[in-house]
Amino acid sequence: MFKRKGVKGNGLNTYENLQQEEKSLFPKLADNIFFVQNSLVHTEDLIIHHLSETDTLFFIESLVDSKEISDKVLTRIMASDNEIICDIKITNLYEITNFLIEGYAIFISEGRTYAAAFNSAAQEKRAIQEPLSEKILKGSHEGFIENLETNILLVRKYIKNPKLMVRYMTLGERSRTKVAVIYIEDLANDDIINELFRRLSYAKVDYIQSPGHIQEFIEDETYSPFPQMLNTERPDRVVANLMEGRFAIIADGSPTAMIAPINFFAFIQTPDDYNNRWLIGSFLTLFRVMSLMIAIGLPSLYIAVVSFHYEIIPFELVLALKGTLEFVPVPPIVEAVSMLIILELLSEAATRLPSPIAQTIGVVGGLVIGTAVVEANLVSNSMVVVVALTAVASYALPITEMGTTIRLLSFPLMVASSLFGLVGIVFGLMVILLHLCKLESFGTPYFTPLAPFRLSENKDTIIRLPLGQFIKRPSGPRPKDSVRTGHPRGWKRDE
């Protein structure tokens, strides 16, 4: 269960709690103008439009839509005699600055006890597109964008249910990043939701650059190489997890949603597994599991075999390996580590460069370097094959974070195999498995349903059974309602 260390937080860092004091508006307009100017340190994109001797309109030019100001705001102000029709009435003087930097236009009239706020924020956003890193063959091709409201709309489009809860927070004392926590109120476990907000209450930092910042602040084990929250840009993936009792966190300015509590097997599944027939989905998942095992174990297995255990391979293969290794001046561990580092360098270069150049670097760089090192007898042909298979296998994993983790863990396994052979590999894998069994995501065992073993929940891990057998929700997130569905194929009984 959840571990509580240190002192208690000072409460949630919500928009309302950031207001430390309350102060009424000044009776005189000049005093209010002076206060707003000082609060925004006389920034030059603050527009103060004097409509009359007693009426003034404030807005930050770079944050508002000028058409909204002229068509909506000024029209409402001019059309009103006494009561102004506005979006929000502000009675606390300290809140005016916060609304201005959110893109509101603020109207202050001398003698009024409130300021009228009009939402005039400029809506600059890109079109909804399919995420580049999570492409699928069947199903929805929509992806999140950098606009928080649009992302919530995409989630609500799938779940038209009044129980869908959206709770806003503001994180970052200076950046004031708007964050939404989304969950289904009658499914998500109250203890997990309360624990989430307790952890978020400690996130008192200057700046939230990305969801990765939030993840590091609230995940159970920061020093673990395994991701404990699932990052996705797909609304359908978020919705599927919400329906199992999990929660999602979306930050304004980022197209990535974070999902928790999560287990290890979610990182080797894709929406295509459920959009296809169950046999095809199971077949693809099994291939990804095989890819994971190749990516983490093939280099170390090769090193152990050629260094210690020639006797376990056929004699003809021994002769072939001998022919490729006899002129290589370095041990297999140096070969493997060097080639994997070169591969990571090529991958990183291809990621950072523009697309046309990146493709050239990836193909030409790989061919040139691979051919050169083999012809110079710096690396054996067999090692090039092993490294290439390892790279392809790691990139077959659908979540980039998990693929990177697996490639990272292959390095200590290679060191262990070069020192102790197969014994070193077995010991290294045991350490990794023990760590996975110990790891938790918001109080949920990370390696469930294998550890602890739950036979009834192994219908959707490595092998996916037909959807009609998914009667209950996974017990990991501890949902309030454990029953997912009735008997969707009950019509068979009537025949």
Protein backbone atom coordinates (compact mmCIF):
# COMPACT_ATOMS: atom_id res chain seq x y z
CA MET A 1 0.00 0.00 0.00
CA PHE A 2 1.00 3.61 -0.12
CA LYS A 3 4.08 4.72 1.82
CA ARG A 4 3.91 8.03 3.66
CA LYS A 5 7.21 9.64 4.50
CA GLY A 6 8.05 13.04 5.90
CA VAL A 7 5.65 15.77 6.86
CA LYS A 8 2.23 16.27 5.39
CA GLY A 9 1.71 18.56 2.41
CA ASN A 10 0.32 22.03 2.69
CA GLY A 11 -2.80 21.20 0.73
CA LEU A 12 -3.51 21.00 -2.97
CA ASN A 13 -1.74 23.40 -5.24
CA THR A 14 -4.99 24.30 -6.99
CA TYR A 15 -5.89 27.54 -8.67
CA GLU A 16 -7.91 28.72 -5.68
CA ASN A 17 -5.28 27.84 -3.08
CA LEU A 18 -2.69 29.93 -4.87
CA GLN A 19 -4.55 33.02 -3.77
CA GLN A 20 -2.90 33.68 -0.42
CA GLU A 21 -4.93 36.78 0.37
CA GLU A 22 -8.17 38.45 -0.59
CA LYS A 23 -8.50 42.14 -1.22
CA SER A 24 -11.44 44.12 -2.56
CA LEU A 25 -11.10 46.42 -5.52
CA PHE A 26 -10.11 50.01 -4.80
CA PRO A 27 -12.93 52.57 -4.99
CA LYS A 28 -10.86 54.75 -7.34
CA LEU A 29 -10.06 53.56 -10.85
CA ALA A 30 -6.57 55.09 -10.80
CA ASP A 31 -5.60 52.92 -7.82
CA ASN A 32 -6.77 49.77 -9.62
CA ILE A 33 -4.81 50.71 -12.75
CA PHE A 34 -1.68 51.33 -10.68
CA PHE A 35 -2.07 47.94 -8.95
CA VAL A 36 -2.46 46.02 -12.24
CA GLN A 37 0.53 47.75 -13.82
CA ASN A 38 2.73 46.98 -10.81
CA SER A 39 1.54 43.36 -10.65
CA LEU A 40 2.61 42.82 -14.27
CA VAL A 41 5.87 44.76 -13.77
CA HIS A 42 4.83 47.27 -16.44
CA THR A 43 5.08 44.71 -19.25
CA GLU A 44 4.74 46.47 -22.58
CA ASP A 45 2.17 44.07 -24.08
CA LEU A 46 -0.35 45.04 -21.37
CA ILE A 47 -2.97 47.16 -23.12
CA ILE A 48 -4.91 49.66 -20.97
CA HIS A 49 -7.82 50.95 -23.02
CA HIS A 50 -9.57 53.92 -21.39
CA LEU A 51 -13.17 53.80 -22.55
CA SER A 52 -14.13 56.81 -20.46
CA GLU A 53 -12.98 58.66 -17.38
CA THR A 54 -14.47 55.94 -15.17
CA ASP A 55 -14.19 52.83 -17.35
CA THR A 56 -11.03 50.93 -18.39
CA LEU A 57 -10.41 47.68 -20.26
CA PHE A 58 -7.23 45.65 -19.62
CA PHE A 59 -5.82 42.80 -21.70
CA ILE A 60 -2.45 41.34 -22.67
CA GLU A 61 -2.12 41.82 -26.40
CA SER A 62 -0.07 38.67 -27.04
CA LEU A 63 -2.59 36.39 -25.29
CA VAL A 64 -5.95 37.55 -26.65
CA ASP A 65 -7.77 37.35 -29.96
CA SER A 66 -8.20 40.93 -31.18
CA LYS A 67 -11.37 39.96 -33.06
CA GLU A 68 -12.88 38.66 -29.81
CA ILE A 69 -12.08 41.97 -28.13
CA SER A 70 -13.76 44.08 -30.79
CA ASP A 71 -16.70 41.79 -31.60
CA LYS A 72 -17.62 40.37 -28.20
CA VAL A 73 -16.06 42.27 -25.32
CA LEU A 74 -16.54 45.86 -26.45
CA THR A 75 -20.02 45.06 -27.80
CA ARG A 76 -21.14 43.68 -24.42
CA ILE A 77 -19.67 46.59 -22.51
CA MET A 78 -21.26 49.23 -24.75
CA ALA A 79 -24.63 47.46 -24.73
CA SER A 80 -24.87 47.28 -20.93
CA ASP A 81 -26.30 50.02 -18.77
CA ASN A 82 -25.88 48.80 -15.22
CA GLU A 83 -25.21 45.04 -14.99
CA ILE A 84 -22.47 43.82 -17.32
CA ILE A 85 -22.92 40.41 -18.95
CA CYS A 86 -19.50 38.78 -18.57
CA ASP A 87 -17.93 35.34 -18.17
CA ILE A 88 -16.68 35.79 -14.58
CA LYS A 89 -17.09 38.46 -11.93
CA ILE A 90 -13.89 39.05 -9.96
CA THR A 91 -14.16 40.49 -6.47
CA ASN A 92 -10.62 39.66 -5.34
CA LEU A 93 -8.09 42.21 -6.61
CA TYR A 94 -5.26 39.64 -6.53
CA GLU A 95 -7.09 37.40 -9.03
CA ILE A 96 -7.12 40.03 -11.78
CA THR A 97 -3.50 39.41 -12.73
CA ASN A 98 -4.03 35.65 -12.92
CA PHE A 99 -7.00 36.04 -15.24
CA LEU A 100 -5.08 38.45 -17.47
CA ILE A 101 -2.27 35.93 -18.02
CA GLU A 102 -4.90 33.28 -18.82
CA GLY A 103 -6.02 35.37 -21.80
CA TYR A 104 -9.00 37.18 -20.26
CA ALA A 105 -9.93 40.80 -20.89
CA ILE A 106 -10.74 42.63 -17.64
CA PHE A 107 -13.16 45.57 -17.46
CA ILE A 108 -13.01 47.80 -14.37
CA SER A 109 -15.43 50.62 -13.73
CA GLU A 110 -14.92 53.14 -10.95
CA GLY A 111 -17.27 52.54 -8.05
CA ARG A 112 -18.07 48.90 -8.93
CA THR A 113 -17.19 46.24 -6.38
CA TYR A 114 -16.22 43.71 -9.04
CA ALA A 115 -14.21 43.48 -12.25
CA ALA A 116 -15.83 41.88 -15.32
CA ALA A 117 -13.72 39.16 -16.98
CA PHE A 118 -14.24 38.10 -20.61
CA ASN A 119 -12.57 35.00 -22.01
CA SER A 120 -10.78 36.27 -25.12
CA ALA A 121 -7.83 33.86 -25.26
CA ALA A 122 -6.29 33.30 -28.67
CA GLN A 123 -6.86 29.71 -29.81
CA GLU A 124 -3.74 28.85 -31.80
CA LYS A 125 -3.58 25.08 -32.21
CA ARG A 126 -2.58 22.50 -34.78
CA ALA A 127 -4.93 20.07 -36.46
CA ILE A 128 -5.72 16.71 -34.87
CA GLN A 129 -3.44 14.07 -36.38
CA GLU A 130 -2.41 10.49 -35.71
CA PRO A 131 0.51 10.21 -33.26
CA LEU A 132 3.74 9.45 -35.11
CA SER A 133 4.99 7.04 -32.43
CA GLU A 134 1.72 5.08 -31.94
CA LYS A 135 0.38 4.33 -35.39
CA ILE A 136 -2.17 1.55 -35.83
CA LEU A 137 -3.76 -0.24 -38.79
CA LYS A 138 -7.38 -0.39 -37.60
CA GLY A 139 -9.35 1.93 -35.37
CA SER A 140 -9.21 5.63 -34.60
CA HIS A 141 -6.40 7.71 -36.09
CA GLU A 142 -6.92 10.71 -33.80
CA GLY A 143 -4.23 11.91 -31.44
CA PHE A 144 -3.90 14.49 -28.71
CA ILE A 145 -2.55 17.95 -29.49
CA GLU A 146 -1.00 20.72 -27.36
CA ASN A 147 -4.38 22.22 -26.37
CA LEU A 148 -5.80 20.94 -23.06
CA GLU A 149 -9.46 21.71 -23.82
CA THR A 150 -9.27 19.92 -27.18
CA ASN A 151 -7.71 16.86 -25.54
CA ILE A 152 -10.49 16.70 -22.95
CA LEU A 153 -13.03 17.03 -25.76
CA LEU A 154 -11.46 13.99 -27.50
CA VAL A 155 -11.85 11.95 -24.30
CA ARG A 156 -15.44 13.09 -23.74
CA LYS A 157 -16.28 12.17 -27.32
CA TYR A 158 -15.70 8.53 -26.37
CA ILE A 159 -17.25 8.64 -22.88
CA LYS A 160 -20.59 10.46 -22.88
CA ASN A 161 -21.18 9.80 -19.21
CA PRO A 162 -21.93 12.30 -16.42
CA LYS A 163 -19.66 10.30 -14.10
CA LEU A 164 -16.56 11.30 -16.09
CA MET A 165 -14.70 13.61 -13.71
CA VAL A 166 -12.28 16.34 -14.81
CA ARG A 167 -10.41 18.15 -12.02
CA TYR A 168 -8.12 21.06 -12.83
CA MET A 169 -4.96 22.03 -11.03
CA THR A 170 -2.26 24.64 -11.61
CA LEU A 171 1.33 23.44 -11.19
CA GLY A 172 4.46 25.58 -11.35
CA GLU A 173 4.68 28.68 -9.20
CA ARG A 174 5.99 30.70 -12.13
CA SER A 175 4.90 28.79 -15.24
CA ARG A 176 1.37 28.18 -13.82
CA THR A 177 0.79 25.18 -16.07
CA LYS A 178 -2.83 24.04 -16.17
CA VAL A 179 -3.20 20.30 -15.55
CA ALA A 180 -6.30 18.10 -15.77
CA VAL A 181 -6.81 14.88 -13.80
CA ILE A 182 -9.43 12.69 -15.50
CA TYR A 183 -11.16 9.63 -14.08
CA ILE A 184 -14.59 8.01 -13.88
CA GLU A 185 -16.02 8.80 -10.46
CA ASP A 186 -17.88 5.52 -9.89
CA LEU A 187 -14.97 3.36 -11.11
CA ALA A 188 -11.73 4.93 -9.87
CA ASN A 189 -10.67 3.96 -6.36
CA ASP A 190 -11.00 6.87 -3.90
CA ASP A 191 -7.82 5.94 -2.02
CA ILE A 192 -5.77 6.03 -5.24
CA ILE A 193 -7.26 9.37 -6.31
CA ASN A 194 -6.63 10.88 -2.88
CA GLU A 195 -3.06 9.57 -2.95
CA LEU A 196 -2.55 11.14 -6.37
CA PHE A 197 -3.62 14.58 -5.15
CA ARG A 198 -1.55 14.18 -1.99
CA ARG A 199 1.55 13.58 -4.10
CA LEU A 200 0.70 16.44 -6.45
CA SER A 201 0.37 18.78 -3.47
CA TYR A 202 4.13 18.50 -2.96
CA ALA A 203 4.92 19.53 -6.56
CA LYS A 204 5.76 23.11 -5.65
CA VAL A 205 8.29 23.99 -8.33
CA ASP A 206 8.93 27.00 -10.53
CA TYR A 207 8.32 25.37 -13.88
CA ILE A 208 6.58 22.35 -15.37
CA GLN A 209 8.19 21.76 -18.75
CA SER A 210 6.48 18.51 -19.70
CA PRO A 211 4.45 15.60 -18.27
CA GLY A 212 7.80 13.91 -17.61
CA HIS A 213 8.37 16.41 -14.80
CA ILE A 214 5.07 15.48 -13.17
CA GLN A 215 5.80 11.78 -13.60
CA GLU A 216 9.12 12.04 -11.77
CA PHE A 217 7.46 13.93 -8.92
CA ILE A 218 4.69 11.40 -8.25
CA GLU A 219 5.91 7.95 -9.37
CA ASP A 220 6.63 5.37 -6.67
CA GLU A 221 10.29 4.62 -7.49
CA THR A 222 12.21 7.40 -9.23
CA TYR A 223 15.41 5.34 -9.48
CA SER A 224 13.78 2.38 -11.22
CA PRO A 225 14.59 2.05 -14.93
CA PHE A 226 11.02 0.92 -15.63
CA PRO A 227 8.32 3.54 -16.36
CA GLN A 228 5.54 3.39 -13.76
CA MET A 229 3.08 5.52 -15.72
CA LEU A 230 2.00 4.85 -19.28
CA ASN A 231 2.57 7.80 -21.64
CA THR A 232 0.32 7.91 -24.68
CA GLU A 233 -0.92 10.37 -27.28
CA ARG A 234 -3.96 8.27 -28.18
CA PRO A 235 -7.42 9.21 -26.79
CA ASP A 236 -8.74 5.67 -27.35
CA ARG A 237 -5.97 4.26 -25.17
CA VAL A 238 -6.75 6.75 -22.41
CA VAL A 239 -10.45 5.88 -22.59
CA ALA A 240 -9.79 2.12 -22.42
CA ASN A 241 -7.77 2.60 -19.22
CA LEU A 242 -10.31 4.98 -17.68
CA MET A 243 -12.93 2.27 -18.18
CA GLU A 244 -10.79 -0.08 -16.06
CA GLY A 245 -10.73 2.32 -13.11
CA ARG A 246 -7.46 4.15 -13.79
CA PHE A 247 -6.84 7.90 -14.01
CA ALA A 248 -5.15 10.06 -16.63
CA ILE A 249 -3.18 13.30 -16.29
CA ILE A 250 -3.00 15.78 -19.18
CA ALA A 251 -1.01 19.02 -19.06
CA ASP A 252 -1.70 22.08 -21.17
CA GLY A 253 0.90 22.50 -23.91
CA SER A 254 1.63 18.77 -24.22
CA PRO A 255 0.05 16.09 -26.44
CA THR A 256 0.97 13.34 -23.97
CA ALA A 257 -1.35 11.84 -21.36
CA MET A 258 -0.05 9.84 -18.39
CA ILE A 259 -2.02 6.83 -17.15
CA ALA A 260 -1.77 5.09 -13.77
CA PRO A 261 -1.87 2.74 -11.95
CA ILE A 262 -0.39 0.58 -14.69
CA ASN A 263 1.27 -2.81 -15.01
CA PHE A 264 4.22 -4.07 -17.02
CA PHE A 265 2.14 -5.83 -19.67
CA ALA A 266 0.39 -2.62 -20.75
CA PHE A 267 3.68 -1.57 -22.36
CA ILE A 268 3.65 -4.48 -24.83
CA GLN A 269 0.03 -4.06 -25.92
CA THR A 270 -1.45 -1.82 -28.62
CA PRO A 271 -5.01 -0.81 -29.60
CA ASP A 272 -4.61 -3.03 -32.68
CA ASP A 273 -4.61 -6.06 -30.36
CA TYR A 274 -8.26 -5.31 -29.60
CA ASN A 275 -9.26 -4.01 -33.03
CA ASN A 276 -8.29 -7.36 -34.60
CA ARG A 277 -9.62 -10.82 -33.86
CA TRP A 278 -8.35 -12.33 -30.64
CA LEU A 279 -6.10 -14.88 -32.36
CA ILE A 280 -4.34 -12.15 -34.35
CA GLY A 281 -4.04 -9.96 -31.25
CA SER A 282 -2.51 -12.81 -29.26
CA PHE A 283 -0.15 -13.66 -32.12
CA LEU A 284 1.12 -10.06 -32.30
CA THR A 285 1.51 -9.81 -28.52
CA LEU A 286 3.52 -13.05 -28.43
CA PHE A 287 5.83 -11.62 -31.09
CA ARG A 288 6.38 -8.51 -28.97
CA VAL A 289 7.21 -10.66 -25.94
CA MET A 290 9.70 -12.55 -28.09
CA SER A 291 11.11 -9.21 -29.28
CA LEU A 292 11.55 -8.11 -25.67
CA MET A 293 13.46 -11.30 -24.83
CA ILE A 294 15.69 -10.91 -27.90
CA ALA A 295 16.39 -7.25 -27.16
CA ILE A 296 17.40 -7.83 -23.56
CA GLY A 297 19.07 -11.24 -23.83
CA LEU A 298 20.49 -11.95 -27.29
CA PRO A 299 23.76 -9.95 -27.02
CA SER A 300 24.57 -11.36 -23.58
CA LEU A 301 23.67 -14.90 -24.71
CA TYR A 302 26.00 -14.57 -27.72
CA ILE A 303 28.84 -13.31 -25.50
CA ALA A 304 28.35 -16.16 -23.02
CA VAL A 305 28.29 -18.81 -25.75
CA VAL A 306 31.37 -17.67 -27.68
CA SER A 307 33.34 -16.94 -24.49
CA PHE A 308 32.44 -19.88 -22.22
CA HIS A 309 29.99 -22.38 -23.69
CA TYR A 310 31.06 -23.48 -27.17
CA GLU A 311 29.94 -27.01 -26.31
CA ILE A 312 26.22 -26.16 -26.38
CA ILE A 313 26.18 -25.23 -30.09
CA PRO A 314 26.50 -27.61 -33.09
CA PHE A 315 30.00 -28.32 -34.40
CA GLU A 316 29.27 -26.85 -37.86
CA LEU A 317 28.17 -23.58 -36.26
CA VAL A 318 31.30 -23.55 -34.10
CA LEU A 319 33.44 -23.72 -37.24
CA ALA A 320 31.47 -20.87 -38.83
CA LEU A 321 31.83 -18.70 -35.72
CA LYS A 322 35.53 -19.52 -35.48
CA GLY A 323 36.03 -18.24 -39.01
CA THR A 324 34.45 -14.88 -38.18
CA LEU A 325 36.12 -14.44 -34.79
CA GLU A 326 39.72 -15.54 -35.27
CA PHE A 327 40.95 -12.25 -36.79
CA VAL A 328 39.01 -9.92 -34.45
CA PRO A 329 41.50 -8.41 -31.94
CA VAL A 330 38.97 -7.50 -29.22
CA PRO A 331 36.84 -9.71 -26.93
CA PRO A 332 33.11 -10.18 -27.69
CA ILE A 333 32.02 -7.84 -24.86
CA VAL A 334 33.95 -4.95 -26.45
CA GLU A 335 32.47 -5.80 -29.86
CA ALA A 336 28.91 -5.84 -28.55
CA VAL A 337 29.13 -2.69 -26.42
CA SER A 338 30.87 -0.74 -29.20
CA MET A 339 28.32 -1.72 -31.84
CA LEU A 340 25.34 -1.00 -29.58
CA ILE A 341 26.75 2.42 -28.70
CA ILE A 342 27.22 3.19 -32.41
CA LEU A 343 23.64 2.06 -33.02
CA GLU A 344 22.33 4.37 -30.30
CA LEU A 345 24.34 7.26 -31.77
CA LEU A 346 22.82 6.67 -35.21
CA SER A 347 19.34 6.43 -33.70
CA GLU A 348 19.80 9.65 -31.74
CA ALA A 349 21.16 11.48 -34.78
CA ALA A 350 18.26 10.29 -36.94
CA THR A 351 15.77 11.43 -34.30
CA ARG A 352 17.14 14.98 -33.99
CA LEU A 353 17.76 15.73 -37.66
CA PRO A 354 15.09 16.75 -40.23
CA SER A 355 13.31 13.78 -41.81
CA PRO A 356 15.05 13.63 -45.23
CA ILE A 357 18.52 13.91 -43.66
CA ALA A 358 17.58 11.50 -40.85
CA GLN A 359 16.67 8.74 -43.32
CA THR A 360 19.99 9.22 -45.11
CA ILE A 361 21.94 9.11 -41.84
CA GLY A 362 20.12 5.97 -40.70
CA VAL A 363 20.56 3.97 -43.89
CA VAL A 364 23.88 5.21 -45.25
CA GLY A 365 25.50 5.60 -41.82
CA GLY A 366 24.53 2.09 -40.79
CA LEU A 367 25.71 0.51 -44.05
CA VAL A 368 28.98 2.43 -44.21
CA ILE A 369 29.94 1.90 -40.58
CA GLY A 370 28.83 -1.74 -40.54
CA THR A 371 30.74 -2.59 -43.70
CA ALA A 372 33.84 -0.68 -42.60
CA VAL A 373 34.17 -2.28 -39.16
CA VAL A 374 33.72 -5.79 -40.59
CA GLU A 375 36.25 -5.28 -43.40
CA ALA A 376 38.74 -3.84 -40.89
CA ASN A 377 38.30 -6.96 -38.70
CA LEU A 378 37.25 -4.76 -35.77
CA VAL A 379 33.92 -6.59 -35.42
CA SER A 380 32.83 -10.04 -36.57
CA ASN A 381 30.03 -10.65 -39.07
CA SER A 382 28.10 -12.63 -36.48
CA MET A 383 28.20 -9.72 -34.02
CA VAL A 384 26.76 -7.37 -36.66
CA VAL A 385 23.87 -9.82 -37.13
CA VAL A 386 23.28 -10.05 -33.37
CA VAL A 387 23.29 -6.27 -32.90
CA ALA A 388 20.97 -5.75 -35.88
CA LEU A 389 18.47 -8.31 -34.53
CA THR A 390 18.66 -6.68 -31.09
CA ALA A 391 17.92 -3.24 -32.54
CA VAL A 392 14.96 -4.44 -34.62
CA ALA A 393 13.53 -6.32 -31.63
CA SER A 394 13.77 -3.31 -29.29
CA TYR A 395 12.05 -1.03 -31.81
CA ALA A 396 9.21 -3.55 -32.17
CA LEU A 397 8.01 -2.65 -28.66
CA PRO A 398 5.08 -0.21 -29.01
CA ILE A 399 6.04 2.17 -26.17
CA THR A 400 9.31 4.01 -26.73
CA GLU A 401 10.09 4.31 -23.01
CA MET A 402 9.99 0.55 -22.51
CA GLY A 403 12.12 -0.09 -25.59
CA THR A 404 14.77 2.29 -24.29
CA THR A 405 14.66 0.65 -20.85
CA ILE A 406 15.18 -2.81 -22.36
CA ARG A 407 18.16 -1.62 -24.42
CA LEU A 408 19.64 -0.01 -21.31
CA LEU A 409 19.29 -3.19 -19.24
CA SER A 410 21.05 -5.24 -21.91
CA PHE A 411 24.36 -3.54 -21.03
CA PRO A 412 24.70 -4.85 -17.42
CA LEU A 413 23.56 -8.28 -18.65
CA MET A 414 26.37 -8.26 -21.22
CA VAL A 415 28.90 -7.42 -18.52
CA ALA A 416 27.57 -10.25 -16.32
CA SER A 417 27.71 -12.74 -19.20
CA SER A 418 31.29 -11.74 -20.09
CA LEU A 419 32.36 -12.44 -16.49
CA PHE A 420 30.29 -15.49 -15.52
CA GLY A 421 28.74 -16.85 -18.71
CA LEU A 422 25.22 -18.27 -18.54
CA VAL A 423 25.32 -18.09 -14.74
CA GLY A 424 25.75 -14.32 -15.01
CA ILE A 425 22.77 -14.05 -17.37
CA VAL A 426 20.54 -16.09 -15.06
CA PHE A 427 21.60 -14.03 -12.05
CA GLY A 428 21.01 -10.75 -13.92
CA LEU A 429 17.55 -11.81 -15.10
CA MET A 430 16.66 -12.90 -11.55
CA VAL A 431 17.60 -9.45 -10.24
CA ILE A 432 15.43 -7.79 -12.90
CA LEU A 433 12.47 -10.10 -12.17
CA LEU A 434 12.76 -9.53 -8.42
CA HIS A 435 12.77 -5.78 -9.03
CA LEU A 436 9.66 -6.08 -11.24
CA CYS A 437 7.88 -8.13 -8.56
CA LYS A 438 8.74 -5.53 -5.91
CA LEU A 439 7.78 -2.49 -8.00
CA GLU A 440 4.42 -0.76 -7.55
CA SER A 441 2.42 1.84 -9.42
CA PHE A 442 0.26 3.80 -6.95
CA GLY A 443 0.01 0.80 -4.66
CA THR A 444 -0.70 -1.64 -7.50
CA PRO A 445 1.78 -4.52 -8.09
CA TYR A 446 3.65 -3.69 -11.28
CA PHE A 447 4.01 -7.30 -12.45
CA THR A 448 0.39 -8.28 -11.85
CA PRO A 449 -1.26 -10.64 -12.82
CA LEU A 450 1.90 -12.80 -12.80
CA ALA A 451 3.19 -11.55 -9.45
CA PRO A 452 1.00 -11.88 -7.49
CA PHE A 453 -0.36 -14.58 -9.76
CA ARG A 454 -4.04 -14.23 -10.64
CA LEU A 455 -5.16 -16.94 -13.05
CA SER A 456 -8.52 -15.31 -13.82
CA GLU A 457 -6.82 -12.11 -15.00
CA ASN A 458 -4.37 -13.76 -17.39
CA LYS A 459 -6.96 -13.50 -20.14
CA ASP A 460 -5.42 -10.22 -21.27
CA THR A 461 -1.65 -10.33 -20.78
CA ILE A 462 0.58 -12.30 -23.15
CA ILE A 463 -2.42 -14.02 -24.75
CA ARG A 464 -5.73 -12.22 -25.29
CA LEU A 465 -8.85 -14.33 -25.09
CA PRO A 466 -12.12 -13.31 -26.82
CA LEU A 467 -13.64 -10.09 -25.46
CA GLY A 468 -16.77 -11.95 -24.40
CA GLN A 469 -14.76 -13.55 -21.58
CA PHE A 470 -13.74 -10.20 -20.05
CA ILE A 471 -16.54 -10.21 -17.49
CA LYS A 472 -14.62 -8.49 -14.70
CA ARG A 473 -12.25 -5.54 -14.67
CA PRO A 474 -8.61 -6.06 -13.64
CA SER A 475 -8.22 -6.00 -9.86
CA GLY A 476 -4.96 -4.03 -10.00
CA PRO A 477 -6.52 -0.52 -10.01
CA ARG A 478 -9.03 -1.71 -7.36
CA PRO A 479 -12.10 -0.33 -9.19
CA LYS A 480 -15.29 0.37 -7.26
CA ASP A 481 -17.31 -1.65 -9.77
CA SER A 482 -15.46 -4.86 -10.63
CA VAL A 483 -18.01 -6.10 -13.19
CA ARG A 484 -17.18 -4.85 -16.67
CA THR A 485 -20.01 -6.37 -18.68
CA GLY A 486 -22.77 -8.92 -18.65
CA HIS A 487 -22.76 -11.79 -21.12
CA PRO A 488 -22.43 -10.17 -24.57
CA ARG A 489 -22.65 -13.57 -26.26
CA GLY A 490 -25.59 -14.74 -24.19
CA TRP A 491 -27.62 -14.96 -27.38
CA LYS A 492 -25.84 -18.27 -28.08
CA ARG A 493 -27.80 -19.85 -25.23
CA ASP A 494 -31.07 -18.95 -26.93
CA GLU A 495 -30.29 -20.93 -30.06
